[in-house]
Each structure stands twice: as structure tokens, then as C-alpha cells.
Amino acid sequence: MAKYLMLKHYRMSSEYMDYTPMDQWSPAEVDAHMAYMNAFADKLKDTGEFVDSQALSPEGTFVQSGGRGRPPVTDGPFPETKDLIAGWMVIDVEDYDRALELAGELSAAPGKGGEPINEWLELRPFLDHAPCVDE
């Protein structure tokens, strides 16, 4: 078995997908999306492939240590994670092909008008051992 992280993103460039942001959906459309996500997780619980999942708030802060004392709080030099990551799901599956299959299914969650979002998901395997440098 191998663990994978599936990351859902809040925003995606229109060059990659035609997507209406969730804050422009009706309450019923949001409920349908969340029901799909919950049913998907329940299905994976039944197969033993579900590990954990969370939806994330759009609010967040980048923090960088400034040395001694209190670290400064900044918006950071990069796009903020709060602008990118809407939530995640961890799965534990037999192989990479199964992880791809599940990510494709999750990508089809309904959005505005009940149509599948077909959103891009980031699929990343867990690191099973620390990388080493050959000397």
C-alpha cells in the first residue's frame, strides 16, 4: 500500500479550466459539492483506502522566523497557500494507478449548475524514506 495526498485548489487559471469559484455558487450547489466529497470519502472508508481529509479556510498567514523573539508575519514573496489550497485528502492505495483513478473521480465533483468541475488535483506520494546523497 502507498499513501498519496490529493490537494484541491481554490483557484485555477482559466487557461487550465473553466471554473466558477465556490463563493459564486448557490448554497444548494455548495451542499451538493460537499455531499459528493463526503460520499467519496465514505466509499473509500468502505474499501479501506481513506486515511483523512480536511477542507481548509481561505484565511491564512505566512510566517517566517526572524531569529530570536517573535517571528514576523508576512504575506510572503510567493502566492499564498490560502489562495491555492482548498482542502486535501490522504488515501492509502495499492498502487499509483489506483491513486490516479481516485484523483480523476474526485476531480469530477459537481460545481456551479451541478456540472462536474473537472478540476486539476495535485497528487503527491508520501515520502517513504529520506532522500540521501551518494558519496
N, C-alpha and C. Protein backbone atom coordinates (compact mmCIF):
# COMPACT_ATOMS: atom_id res chain seq x y z
N MET A 1 0.85 -1.18 0.00
CA MET A 1 0.00 0.00 0.00
C MET A 1 0.89 1.24 0.00
N ALA A 2 0.40 2.29 -0.62
CA ALA A 2 1.14 3.54 -0.70
C ALA A 2 0.19 4.70 -0.40
N LYS A 3 0.68 5.65 0.36
CA LYS A 3 -0.13 6.81 0.71
C LYS A 3 0.12 7.94 -0.28
N TYR A 4 -0.97 8.63 -0.63
CA TYR A 4 -0.93 9.77 -1.53
C TYR A 4 -1.74 10.91 -0.94
N LEU A 5 -1.30 12.11 -1.23
CA LEU A 5 -2.01 13.33 -0.86
C LEU A 5 -2.66 13.89 -2.12
N MET A 6 -3.96 14.12 -2.06
CA MET A 6 -4.66 14.78 -3.16
C MET A 6 -5.00 16.19 -2.68
N LEU A 7 -4.44 17.19 -3.33
CA LEU A 7 -4.68 18.59 -2.97
C LEU A 7 -5.71 19.21 -3.90
N LYS A 8 -6.72 19.86 -3.30
CA LYS A 8 -7.72 20.60 -4.06
C LYS A 8 -7.36 22.08 -3.95
N HIS A 9 -7.51 22.80 -5.02
CA HIS A 9 -7.11 24.20 -5.06
C HIS A 9 -8.32 25.12 -5.16
N TYR A 10 -8.24 26.28 -4.52
CA TYR A 10 -9.31 27.28 -4.59
C TYR A 10 -9.39 27.91 -5.97
N ARG A 11 -8.26 28.26 -6.51
CA ARG A 11 -8.25 28.98 -7.77
C ARG A 11 -7.39 28.26 -8.79
N MET A 12 -7.80 28.35 -10.02
CA MET A 12 -7.03 27.77 -11.10
C MET A 12 -7.14 28.73 -12.27
N SER A 13 -6.05 28.97 -12.91
CA SER A 13 -6.04 29.86 -14.07
C SER A 13 -7.04 29.38 -15.11
N SER A 14 -7.72 30.33 -15.75
CA SER A 14 -8.72 29.97 -16.76
C SER A 14 -8.10 29.26 -17.95
N GLU A 15 -6.80 29.37 -18.13
CA GLU A 15 -6.16 28.64 -19.22
C GLU A 15 -6.14 27.13 -18.95
N TYR A 16 -6.32 26.75 -17.68
CA TYR A 16 -6.31 25.33 -17.31
C TYR A 16 -7.71 24.75 -17.14
N MET A 17 -8.65 25.58 -16.71
CA MET A 17 -10.01 25.07 -16.54
C MET A 17 -11.00 26.22 -16.47
N ASP A 18 -12.21 25.96 -16.93
CA ASP A 18 -13.30 26.91 -16.86
C ASP A 18 -14.06 26.62 -15.58
N TYR A 19 -13.86 27.44 -14.56
CA TYR A 19 -14.35 27.12 -13.23
C TYR A 19 -14.89 28.38 -12.57
N THR A 20 -16.10 28.31 -12.05
CA THR A 20 -16.68 29.41 -11.28
C THR A 20 -16.31 29.18 -9.82
N PRO A 21 -15.65 30.14 -9.17
CA PRO A 21 -15.25 29.96 -7.76
C PRO A 21 -16.44 29.65 -6.86
N MET A 22 -16.20 28.88 -5.82
CA MET A 22 -17.24 28.42 -4.92
C MET A 22 -18.00 29.58 -4.27
N ASP A 23 -17.34 30.71 -4.05
CA ASP A 23 -18.06 31.82 -3.42
C ASP A 23 -19.11 32.43 -4.35
N GLN A 24 -19.17 31.95 -5.58
CA GLN A 24 -20.19 32.40 -6.53
C GLN A 24 -21.24 31.32 -6.78
N TRP A 25 -21.21 30.24 -6.01
CA TRP A 25 -22.19 29.17 -6.13
C TRP A 25 -23.36 29.45 -5.19
N SER A 26 -24.51 28.86 -5.48
CA SER A 26 -25.65 28.94 -4.58
C SER A 26 -25.40 28.01 -3.39
N PRO A 27 -26.12 28.24 -2.28
CA PRO A 27 -25.97 27.32 -1.14
C PRO A 27 -26.27 25.86 -1.53
N ALA A 28 -27.23 25.63 -2.41
CA ALA A 28 -27.55 24.27 -2.84
C ALA A 28 -26.39 23.66 -3.63
N GLU A 29 -25.72 24.46 -4.43
CA GLU A 29 -24.58 23.96 -5.20
C GLU A 29 -23.41 23.61 -4.29
N VAL A 30 -23.18 24.43 -3.27
CA VAL A 30 -22.13 24.13 -2.28
C VAL A 30 -22.48 22.84 -1.54
N ASP A 31 -23.75 22.71 -1.13
CA ASP A 31 -24.19 21.50 -0.43
C ASP A 31 -24.00 20.25 -1.30
N ALA A 32 -24.32 20.35 -2.59
CA ALA A 32 -24.16 19.21 -3.50
C ALA A 32 -22.68 18.84 -3.63
N HIS A 33 -21.83 19.83 -3.70
CA HIS A 33 -20.39 19.59 -3.80
C HIS A 33 -19.90 18.87 -2.54
N MET A 34 -20.30 19.38 -1.39
CA MET A 34 -19.85 18.78 -0.13
C MET A 34 -20.43 17.37 0.04
N ALA A 35 -21.65 17.15 -0.40
CA ALA A 35 -22.24 15.81 -0.33
C ALA A 35 -21.45 14.83 -1.19
N TYR A 36 -21.01 15.27 -2.38
CA TYR A 36 -20.19 14.44 -3.25
C TYR A 36 -18.88 14.09 -2.55
N MET A 37 -18.24 15.11 -1.97
CA MET A 37 -16.97 14.89 -1.28
C MET A 37 -17.14 13.89 -0.12
N ASN A 38 -18.21 14.05 0.65
CA ASN A 38 -18.45 13.16 1.79
C ASN A 38 -18.76 11.74 1.32
N ALA A 39 -19.54 11.60 0.26
CA ALA A 39 -19.86 10.27 -0.27
C ALA A 39 -18.61 9.60 -0.82
N PHE A 40 -17.75 10.39 -1.45
CA PHE A 40 -16.48 9.86 -1.97
C PHE A 40 -15.63 9.34 -0.81
N ALA A 41 -15.52 10.13 0.26
CA ALA A 41 -14.75 9.71 1.43
C ALA A 41 -15.36 8.45 2.05
N ASP A 42 -16.69 8.40 2.15
CA ASP A 42 -17.35 7.22 2.73
C ASP A 42 -17.06 5.97 1.91
N LYS A 43 -17.08 6.11 0.59
CA LYS A 43 -16.77 4.96 -0.28
C LYS A 43 -15.36 4.45 -0.01
N LEU A 44 -14.41 5.39 0.16
CA LEU A 44 -13.03 4.99 0.42
C LEU A 44 -12.85 4.41 1.82
N LYS A 45 -13.67 4.85 2.76
CA LYS A 45 -13.65 4.24 4.10
C LYS A 45 -14.07 2.78 3.99
N ASP A 46 -15.10 2.53 3.17
CA ASP A 46 -15.59 1.16 2.99
C ASP A 46 -14.54 0.24 2.36
N THR A 47 -13.70 0.79 1.47
CA THR A 47 -12.67 -0.03 0.82
C THR A 47 -11.37 -0.05 1.61
N GLY A 48 -11.29 0.75 2.69
CA GLY A 48 -10.08 0.81 3.49
C GLY A 48 -9.00 1.70 2.89
N GLU A 49 -9.36 2.52 1.90
CA GLU A 49 -8.37 3.37 1.22
C GLU A 49 -8.34 4.81 1.77
N PHE A 50 -9.28 5.16 2.63
CA PHE A 50 -9.35 6.51 3.17
C PHE A 50 -8.45 6.62 4.40
N VAL A 51 -7.68 7.70 4.48
CA VAL A 51 -6.87 7.97 5.67
C VAL A 51 -7.42 9.18 6.40
N ASP A 52 -7.55 10.32 5.70
CA ASP A 52 -8.03 11.55 6.33
C ASP A 52 -8.32 12.58 5.26
N SER A 53 -9.12 13.58 5.60
CA SER A 53 -9.35 14.70 4.70
C SER A 53 -9.79 15.91 5.50
N GLN A 54 -9.56 17.08 4.94
CA GLN A 54 -9.98 18.33 5.56
C GLN A 54 -10.22 19.37 4.49
N ALA A 55 -11.26 20.16 4.68
CA ALA A 55 -11.44 21.38 3.89
C ALA A 55 -10.73 22.48 4.68
N LEU A 56 -10.12 23.41 3.97
CA LEU A 56 -9.37 24.48 4.63
C LEU A 56 -10.04 25.83 4.42
N SER A 57 -9.95 26.67 5.42
CA SER A 57 -10.45 28.03 5.33
C SER A 57 -9.59 28.83 4.36
N PRO A 58 -10.18 29.79 3.66
CA PRO A 58 -9.36 30.61 2.77
C PRO A 58 -8.43 31.57 3.53
N GLU A 59 -8.65 31.76 4.83
CA GLU A 59 -7.77 32.65 5.60
C GLU A 59 -6.52 31.91 6.04
N GLY A 60 -5.40 32.60 6.03
CA GLY A 60 -4.14 32.02 6.47
C GLY A 60 -3.05 33.07 6.48
N THR A 61 -1.93 32.76 7.06
CA THR A 61 -0.82 33.69 7.18
C THR A 61 0.48 32.97 6.94
N PHE A 62 1.38 33.58 6.16
CA PHE A 62 2.74 33.07 6.03
C PHE A 62 3.53 33.57 7.21
N VAL A 63 4.35 32.72 7.82
CA VAL A 63 5.19 33.11 8.95
C VAL A 63 6.61 32.67 8.65
N GLN A 64 7.55 33.56 8.92
CA GLN A 64 8.95 33.23 8.75
C GLN A 64 9.70 33.66 10.00
N SER A 65 10.57 32.81 10.49
CA SER A 65 11.35 33.14 11.67
C SER A 65 12.27 34.31 11.37
N GLY A 66 12.31 35.24 12.31
CA GLY A 66 13.21 36.37 12.19
C GLY A 66 14.38 36.24 13.15
N GLY A 67 14.58 35.02 13.66
CA GLY A 67 15.63 34.82 14.65
C GLY A 67 15.03 34.84 16.04
N ARG A 68 15.76 35.43 16.98
CA ARG A 68 15.29 35.47 18.36
C ARG A 68 14.02 36.31 18.48
N GLY A 69 13.17 35.93 19.40
CA GLY A 69 11.95 36.69 19.63
C GLY A 69 10.81 36.24 18.74
N ARG A 70 9.87 37.09 18.63
CA ARG A 70 8.67 36.77 17.86
C ARG A 70 8.94 36.82 16.36
N PRO A 71 8.51 35.76 15.64
CA PRO A 71 8.72 35.78 14.19
C PRO A 71 7.80 36.81 13.52
N PRO A 72 8.29 37.44 12.47
CA PRO A 72 7.42 38.38 11.77
C PRO A 72 6.32 37.63 11.01
N VAL A 73 5.23 38.30 10.79
CA VAL A 73 4.14 37.76 10.00
C VAL A 73 4.15 38.50 8.67
N THR A 74 4.06 37.76 7.58
CA THR A 74 4.16 38.38 6.27
C THR A 74 3.21 37.72 5.28
N ASP A 75 2.94 38.40 4.21
CA ASP A 75 2.17 37.79 3.14
C ASP A 75 3.06 36.98 2.23
N GLY A 76 4.34 37.04 2.43
CA GLY A 76 5.27 36.19 1.69
C GLY A 76 5.55 36.66 0.28
N PRO A 77 6.64 36.17 -0.27
CA PRO A 77 7.02 36.55 -1.63
C PRO A 77 6.36 35.70 -2.70
N PHE A 78 5.60 34.68 -2.30
CA PHE A 78 5.00 33.75 -3.24
C PHE A 78 3.48 33.80 -3.14
N PRO A 79 2.77 33.22 -4.10
CA PRO A 79 1.32 33.13 -3.95
C PRO A 79 0.99 32.42 -2.64
N GLU A 80 0.04 32.98 -1.92
CA GLU A 80 -0.26 32.43 -0.61
C GLU A 80 -0.98 31.09 -0.71
N THR A 81 -0.65 30.20 0.21
CA THR A 81 -1.30 28.91 0.27
C THR A 81 -2.80 29.09 0.44
N LYS A 82 -3.21 30.11 1.19
CA LYS A 82 -4.64 30.31 1.39
C LYS A 82 -5.34 30.61 0.07
N ASP A 83 -4.63 31.13 -0.90
CA ASP A 83 -5.20 31.39 -2.21
C ASP A 83 -5.20 30.15 -3.08
N LEU A 84 -4.51 29.12 -2.66
CA LEU A 84 -4.34 27.95 -3.51
C LEU A 84 -5.03 26.70 -3.00
N ILE A 85 -4.81 26.34 -1.76
CA ILE A 85 -5.25 25.03 -1.28
C ILE A 85 -6.59 25.13 -0.56
N ALA A 86 -7.59 24.46 -1.13
CA ALA A 86 -8.94 24.46 -0.56
C ALA A 86 -9.12 23.31 0.42
N GLY A 87 -8.39 22.25 0.22
CA GLY A 87 -8.50 21.10 1.10
C GLY A 87 -7.64 19.96 0.58
N TRP A 88 -7.66 18.87 1.32
CA TRP A 88 -6.83 17.74 0.95
C TRP A 88 -7.48 16.45 1.40
N MET A 89 -7.04 15.38 0.78
CA MET A 89 -7.46 14.04 1.18
C MET A 89 -6.23 13.14 1.08
N VAL A 90 -6.04 12.32 2.10
CA VAL A 90 -4.97 11.34 2.09
C VAL A 90 -5.60 9.97 1.84
N ILE A 91 -5.04 9.26 0.88
CA ILE A 91 -5.51 7.92 0.56
C ILE A 91 -4.37 6.93 0.71
N ASP A 92 -4.71 5.70 0.97
CA ASP A 92 -3.73 4.62 1.09
C ASP A 92 -4.19 3.53 0.13
N VAL A 93 -3.52 3.44 -1.00
CA VAL A 93 -3.98 2.59 -2.09
C VAL A 93 -2.92 1.57 -2.49
N GLU A 94 -3.35 0.62 -3.29
CA GLU A 94 -2.46 -0.46 -3.72
C GLU A 94 -1.31 0.05 -4.59
N ASP A 95 -1.61 0.98 -5.50
CA ASP A 95 -0.57 1.44 -6.41
C ASP A 95 -0.91 2.80 -7.01
N TYR A 96 0.02 3.32 -7.78
CA TYR A 96 -0.12 4.64 -8.41
C TYR A 96 -1.32 4.70 -9.34
N ASP A 97 -1.59 3.63 -10.07
CA ASP A 97 -2.73 3.62 -10.99
C ASP A 97 -4.05 3.81 -10.24
N ARG A 98 -4.18 3.19 -9.08
CA ARG A 98 -5.39 3.36 -8.28
C ARG A 98 -5.48 4.80 -7.77
N ALA A 99 -4.36 5.39 -7.37
CA ALA A 99 -4.35 6.78 -6.92
C ALA A 99 -4.82 7.70 -8.05
N LEU A 100 -4.34 7.45 -9.27
CA LEU A 100 -4.77 8.25 -10.43
C LEU A 100 -6.27 8.10 -10.67
N GLU A 101 -6.75 6.87 -10.58
CA GLU A 101 -8.18 6.61 -10.79
C GLU A 101 -9.03 7.41 -9.78
N LEU A 102 -8.64 7.38 -8.51
CA LEU A 102 -9.40 8.08 -7.49
C LEU A 102 -9.30 9.59 -7.65
N ALA A 103 -8.13 10.10 -8.00
CA ALA A 103 -7.98 11.55 -8.22
C ALA A 103 -8.87 12.00 -9.37
N GLY A 104 -8.96 11.19 -10.42
CA GLY A 104 -9.84 11.53 -11.54
C GLY A 104 -11.29 11.57 -11.13
N GLU A 105 -11.68 10.64 -10.27
CA GLU A 105 -13.07 10.61 -9.79
C GLU A 105 -13.36 11.82 -8.90
N LEU A 106 -12.43 12.16 -8.04
CA LEU A 106 -12.61 13.31 -7.16
C LEU A 106 -12.67 14.61 -7.97
N SER A 107 -11.93 14.68 -9.05
CA SER A 107 -11.90 15.86 -9.92
C SER A 107 -13.27 16.18 -10.50
N ALA A 108 -14.15 15.19 -10.57
CA ALA A 108 -15.46 15.36 -11.19
C ALA A 108 -16.54 15.82 -10.21
N ALA A 109 -16.16 16.28 -9.03
CA ALA A 109 -17.15 16.79 -8.07
C ALA A 109 -17.98 17.88 -8.73
N PRO A 110 -19.27 17.97 -8.38
CA PRO A 110 -20.11 18.98 -9.02
C PRO A 110 -19.79 20.39 -8.54
N GLY A 111 -20.01 21.33 -9.43
CA GLY A 111 -19.81 22.74 -9.12
C GLY A 111 -21.04 23.54 -9.50
N LYS A 112 -20.83 24.73 -10.02
CA LYS A 112 -21.92 25.61 -10.42
C LYS A 112 -22.82 24.91 -11.43
N GLY A 113 -24.11 24.96 -11.19
CA GLY A 113 -25.07 24.33 -12.08
C GLY A 113 -25.09 22.82 -11.99
N GLY A 114 -24.37 22.24 -11.01
CA GLY A 114 -24.34 20.80 -10.85
C GLY A 114 -23.43 20.08 -11.83
N GLU A 115 -22.74 20.84 -12.67
CA GLU A 115 -21.83 20.26 -13.66
C GLU A 115 -20.52 19.85 -13.00
N PRO A 116 -19.90 18.75 -13.44
CA PRO A 116 -18.59 18.36 -12.88
C PRO A 116 -17.57 19.49 -13.07
N ILE A 117 -16.80 19.73 -12.03
CA ILE A 117 -15.77 20.77 -12.09
C ILE A 117 -14.63 20.35 -13.02
N ASN A 118 -14.29 19.07 -12.98
CA ASN A 118 -13.12 18.57 -13.71
C ASN A 118 -11.89 19.39 -13.36
N GLU A 119 -11.76 19.63 -12.06
CA GLU A 119 -10.65 20.45 -11.58
C GLU A 119 -9.34 19.66 -11.60
N TRP A 120 -8.26 20.39 -11.71
CA TRP A 120 -6.94 19.77 -11.57
C TRP A 120 -6.72 19.51 -10.09
N LEU A 121 -6.28 18.31 -9.77
CA LEU A 121 -5.88 17.98 -8.41
C LEU A 121 -4.39 17.69 -8.42
N GLU A 122 -3.74 18.05 -7.35
CA GLU A 122 -2.32 17.71 -7.23
C GLU A 122 -2.23 16.39 -6.47
N LEU A 123 -1.62 15.40 -7.07
CA LEU A 123 -1.46 14.08 -6.49
C LEU A 123 0.00 13.89 -6.13
N ARG A 124 0.28 13.71 -4.84
CA ARG A 124 1.67 13.57 -4.41
C ARG A 124 1.82 12.37 -3.49
N PRO A 125 2.80 11.51 -3.79
CA PRO A 125 3.04 10.36 -2.91
C PRO A 125 3.73 10.82 -1.63
N PHE A 126 3.46 10.11 -0.56
CA PHE A 126 4.19 10.35 0.68
C PHE A 126 5.63 9.90 0.47
N LEU A 127 6.54 10.58 1.10
CA LEU A 127 7.95 10.20 1.06
C LEU A 127 8.12 9.01 1.99
N ASP A 128 8.52 7.87 1.45
CA ASP A 128 8.63 6.68 2.28
C ASP A 128 10.00 6.52 2.93
N HIS A 129 10.98 7.29 2.46
CA HIS A 129 12.28 7.32 3.12
C HIS A 129 12.97 8.63 2.76
N ALA A 130 13.83 9.08 3.63
CA ALA A 130 14.52 10.35 3.40
C ALA A 130 15.49 10.19 2.23
N PRO A 131 15.54 11.21 1.38
CA PRO A 131 16.48 11.14 0.26
C PRO A 131 17.91 11.18 0.79
N CYS A 132 18.80 10.53 0.09
CA CYS A 132 20.20 10.54 0.51
C CYS A 132 21.08 10.86 -0.70
N VAL A 133 22.23 11.34 -0.42
CA VAL A 133 23.18 11.68 -1.46
C VAL A 133 24.29 10.64 -1.45
N ASP A 134 24.54 10.03 -2.59
CA ASP A 134 25.64 9.08 -2.68
C ASP A 134 26.96 9.84 -2.68
N GLU A 135 27.88 9.33 -1.90
CA GLU A 135 29.18 9.98 -1.86
C GLU A 135 30.22 9.14 -2.55
